[in-house]
Amino acid sequence: MRYSQMLAAIALGAVLAVPAAYGQLRPKSDQKIDNADAAAMKQLAQANLNEIEGGKTAAAKAQSADVKQFAQKMVSDHQQMLQDLETLAKSKGVALPQSGSLKDKAEMKMMERASGADFDKKYMEQMVKDHEKDAKETQDLTTKAKDPDFKAAVQKAHGAAAGSTSSTK
């Protein structure tokens, strides 16, 4: 009887020690993020979702092979950025939106009415405009973000956005 009581006490001690040990082993990035950074994360997710959807539409609808190729690059680049953001958001306890903004969806619907070279021109003009806006917003976030992991992710995205913008001009 004494042996089974001793095993039970050891087992109970081990069960009680696990949460404390987990708290010490858990990386610092697995902590909550402040509301402003969480809101910015959600906004970035929507921007990426919009670029992905727009790129898919353009890849299918564009007339020019160069525009189709650019659109496909937009899809793959923004899918990667979104995937990185989703990983970070999950570690910070932030639920990201699963679709783009209604405003951007409406703009894309308007653009879809064009065809051929007119569609290509409108899409490329929109991409330059979007990337200039996104580059400014991510630059602002690099100074405003409080969370160091989020700040690093924004800086990485800003560098990628700046590179993509130069290829559109």
Protein backbone atom coordinates (compact mmCIF):
# COMPACT_ATOMS: atom_id res chain seq x y z
CA MET A 1 0.00 0.00 0.00
CA ARG A 2 2.80 2.34 0.84
CA TYR A 3 4.38 1.82 -2.59
CA SER A 4 1.16 2.75 -4.45
CA GLN A 5 0.74 5.88 -2.31
CA MET A 6 4.31 6.90 -3.09
CA LEU A 7 3.72 6.38 -6.85
CA ALA A 8 0.51 8.42 -6.66
CA ALA A 9 2.33 11.26 -4.88
CA ILE A 10 5.12 11.24 -7.50
CA ALA A 11 2.59 11.20 -10.34
CA LEU A 12 0.63 14.07 -8.79
CA GLY A 13 3.82 16.06 -8.32
CA ALA A 14 4.78 15.51 -11.95
CA VAL A 15 1.33 16.57 -13.19
CA LEU A 16 1.45 19.73 -11.10
CA ALA A 17 4.98 20.57 -12.24
CA VAL A 18 4.22 20.40 -15.99
CA PRO A 19 2.39 23.77 -16.29
CA ALA A 20 5.17 25.56 -14.40
CA ALA A 21 7.87 23.92 -16.51
CA TYR A 22 5.95 24.74 -19.71
CA GLY A 23 5.72 28.38 -18.70
CA GLN A 24 9.50 28.55 -18.30
CA LEU A 25 10.22 26.72 -21.57
CA ARG A 26 7.67 28.61 -23.69
CA PRO A 27 9.37 31.14 -25.98
CA LYS A 28 8.79 34.82 -25.26
CA SER A 29 7.11 35.27 -28.66
CA ASP A 30 4.22 33.11 -27.42
CA GLN A 31 2.71 36.02 -25.50
CA LYS A 32 -0.19 38.37 -26.11
CA ILE A 33 0.26 41.49 -28.20
CA ASP A 34 -1.19 44.95 -27.52
CA ASN A 35 -4.39 46.08 -29.24
CA ALA A 36 -2.77 48.49 -31.71
CA ASP A 37 -0.33 45.84 -32.94
CA ALA A 38 -3.15 43.27 -33.15
CA ALA A 39 -5.26 45.68 -35.22
CA ALA A 40 -2.30 46.35 -37.51
CA MET A 41 -1.76 42.60 -37.93
CA LYS A 42 -5.37 42.20 -39.01
CA GLN A 43 -5.04 45.07 -41.46
CA LEU A 44 -1.88 43.54 -42.96
CA ALA A 45 -3.65 40.19 -43.31
CA GLN A 46 -6.49 41.85 -45.21
CA ALA A 47 -4.01 43.67 -47.47
CA ASN A 48 -2.29 40.37 -48.27
CA LEU A 49 -5.61 38.64 -48.92
CA ASN A 50 -6.62 41.43 -51.29
CA GLU A 51 -3.33 41.19 -53.19
CA ILE A 52 -3.69 37.41 -53.46
CA GLU A 53 -7.24 37.60 -54.81
CA GLY A 54 -6.38 40.43 -57.19
CA GLY A 55 -3.33 38.56 -58.40
CA LYS A 56 -5.34 35.40 -59.04
CA THR A 57 -7.88 37.39 -61.03
CA ALA A 58 -5.18 39.14 -63.04
CA ALA A 59 -3.26 35.92 -63.68
CA ALA A 60 -6.41 34.46 -65.21
CA LYS A 61 -7.70 37.57 -66.99
CA ALA A 62 -4.66 39.55 -68.14
CA GLN A 63 -3.80 39.67 -71.81
CA SER A 64 -0.08 40.36 -71.49
CA ALA A 65 2.24 37.52 -70.51
CA ASP A 66 4.27 40.00 -68.42
CA VAL A 67 1.18 41.07 -66.48
CA LYS A 68 0.17 37.43 -65.95
CA GLN A 69 3.68 36.65 -64.69
CA PHE A 70 3.68 39.69 -62.40
CA ALA A 71 0.23 38.75 -61.05
CA GLN A 72 1.40 35.22 -60.28
CA LYS A 73 4.44 36.63 -58.46
CA MET A 74 2.09 38.83 -56.43
CA VAL A 75 0.07 35.77 -55.46
CA SER A 76 3.09 33.74 -54.37
CA ASP A 77 4.82 36.65 -52.56
CA HIS A 78 1.69 37.64 -50.66
CA GLN A 79 0.80 34.03 -49.83
CA GLN A 80 4.22 33.69 -48.21
CA MET A 81 3.83 36.99 -46.33
CA LEU A 82 0.36 35.94 -45.16
CA GLN A 83 1.64 32.55 -44.05
CA ASP A 84 4.42 34.21 -42.02
CA LEU A 85 1.91 36.64 -40.51
CA GLU A 86 -0.51 33.82 -39.64
CA THR A 87 2.26 31.98 -37.80
CA LEU A 88 3.17 35.09 -35.82
CA ALA A 89 -0.47 35.97 -35.13
CA LYS A 90 -1.16 32.48 -33.82
CA SER A 91 1.78 32.72 -31.42
CA LYS A 92 0.43 36.07 -30.18
CA GLY A 93 -3.16 34.93 -29.83
CA VAL A 94 -4.47 37.14 -32.65
CA ALA A 95 -7.26 35.84 -34.90
CA LEU A 96 -6.76 37.16 -38.44
CA PRO A 97 -9.53 37.84 -40.95
CA GLN A 98 -10.11 35.20 -43.61
CA SER A 99 -11.10 37.57 -46.42
CA GLY A 100 -10.09 40.90 -47.84
CA SER A 101 -11.81 44.20 -47.20
CA LEU A 102 -15.13 44.95 -48.86
CA LYS A 103 -13.72 48.17 -50.31
CA ASP A 104 -10.90 46.34 -52.08
CA LYS A 105 -13.25 43.61 -53.27
CA ALA A 106 -15.50 46.28 -54.78
CA GLU A 107 -12.53 47.93 -56.51
CA MET A 108 -11.51 44.57 -57.98
CA LYS A 109 -15.06 43.95 -59.23
CA MET A 110 -14.96 47.33 -60.99
CA MET A 111 -11.61 46.48 -62.55
CA GLU A 112 -12.86 43.07 -63.70
CA ARG A 113 -15.28 44.85 -66.03
CA ALA A 114 -12.32 45.88 -68.18
CA SER A 115 -10.73 43.44 -70.60
CA GLY A 116 -7.62 42.97 -72.67
CA ALA A 117 -5.00 45.70 -72.61
CA ASP A 118 -7.37 48.00 -70.68
CA PHE A 119 -7.58 45.45 -67.84
CA ASP A 120 -3.80 45.01 -67.86
CA LYS A 121 -3.23 48.75 -67.61
CA LYS A 122 -5.78 49.22 -64.82
CA TYR A 123 -4.40 46.27 -62.86
CA MET A 124 -0.81 47.49 -63.08
CA GLU A 125 -1.80 51.05 -62.15
CA GLN A 126 -3.70 49.69 -59.14
CA MET A 127 -0.73 47.57 -58.10
CA VAL A 128 1.65 50.53 -58.18
CA LYS A 129 -0.84 52.63 -56.19
CA ASP A 130 -1.43 49.82 -53.68
CA HIS A 131 2.25 49.15 -53.19
CA GLU A 132 3.11 52.78 -52.67
CA LYS A 133 0.35 52.98 -50.05
CA ASP A 134 1.39 49.67 -48.45
CA ALA A 135 5.05 50.68 -48.36
CA LYS A 136 4.16 53.90 -46.54
CA GLU A 137 1.90 52.06 -44.08
CA THR A 138 4.52 49.41 -43.32
CA GLN A 139 7.17 52.14 -42.90
CA ASP A 140 4.88 53.82 -40.35
CA LEU A 141 4.34 50.49 -38.59
CA THR A 142 8.08 49.90 -38.24
CA THR A 143 8.19 52.94 -35.96
CA LYS A 144 4.84 52.39 -34.19
CA ALA A 145 4.88 48.63 -33.55
CA LYS A 146 5.62 47.79 -29.93
CA ASP A 147 6.03 44.03 -30.12
CA PRO A 148 9.60 43.18 -31.24
CA ASP A 149 8.53 40.06 -33.19
CA PHE A 150 5.82 41.98 -35.02
CA LYS A 151 8.18 44.88 -35.67
CA ALA A 152 10.71 42.49 -37.24
CA ALA A 153 8.00 40.90 -39.41
CA VAL A 154 6.84 44.33 -40.59
CA GLN A 155 10.40 45.34 -41.44
CA LYS A 156 10.81 42.13 -43.45
CA ALA A 157 7.52 42.77 -45.28
CA HIS A 158 8.49 46.39 -45.89
CA GLY A 159 11.72 45.28 -47.54
CA ALA A 160 9.83 42.83 -49.75
CA ALA A 161 7.20 45.45 -50.66
CA ALA A 162 9.85 47.97 -51.58
CA GLY A 163 11.48 45.40 -53.85
CA SER A 164 8.18 44.53 -55.52
CA THR A 165 7.31 48.18 -56.11
CA SER A 166 10.55 48.85 -57.92
CA SER A 167 9.82 45.96 -60.29
CA THR A 168 6.47 47.50 -61.28
CA LYS A 169 7.92 50.77 -62.49
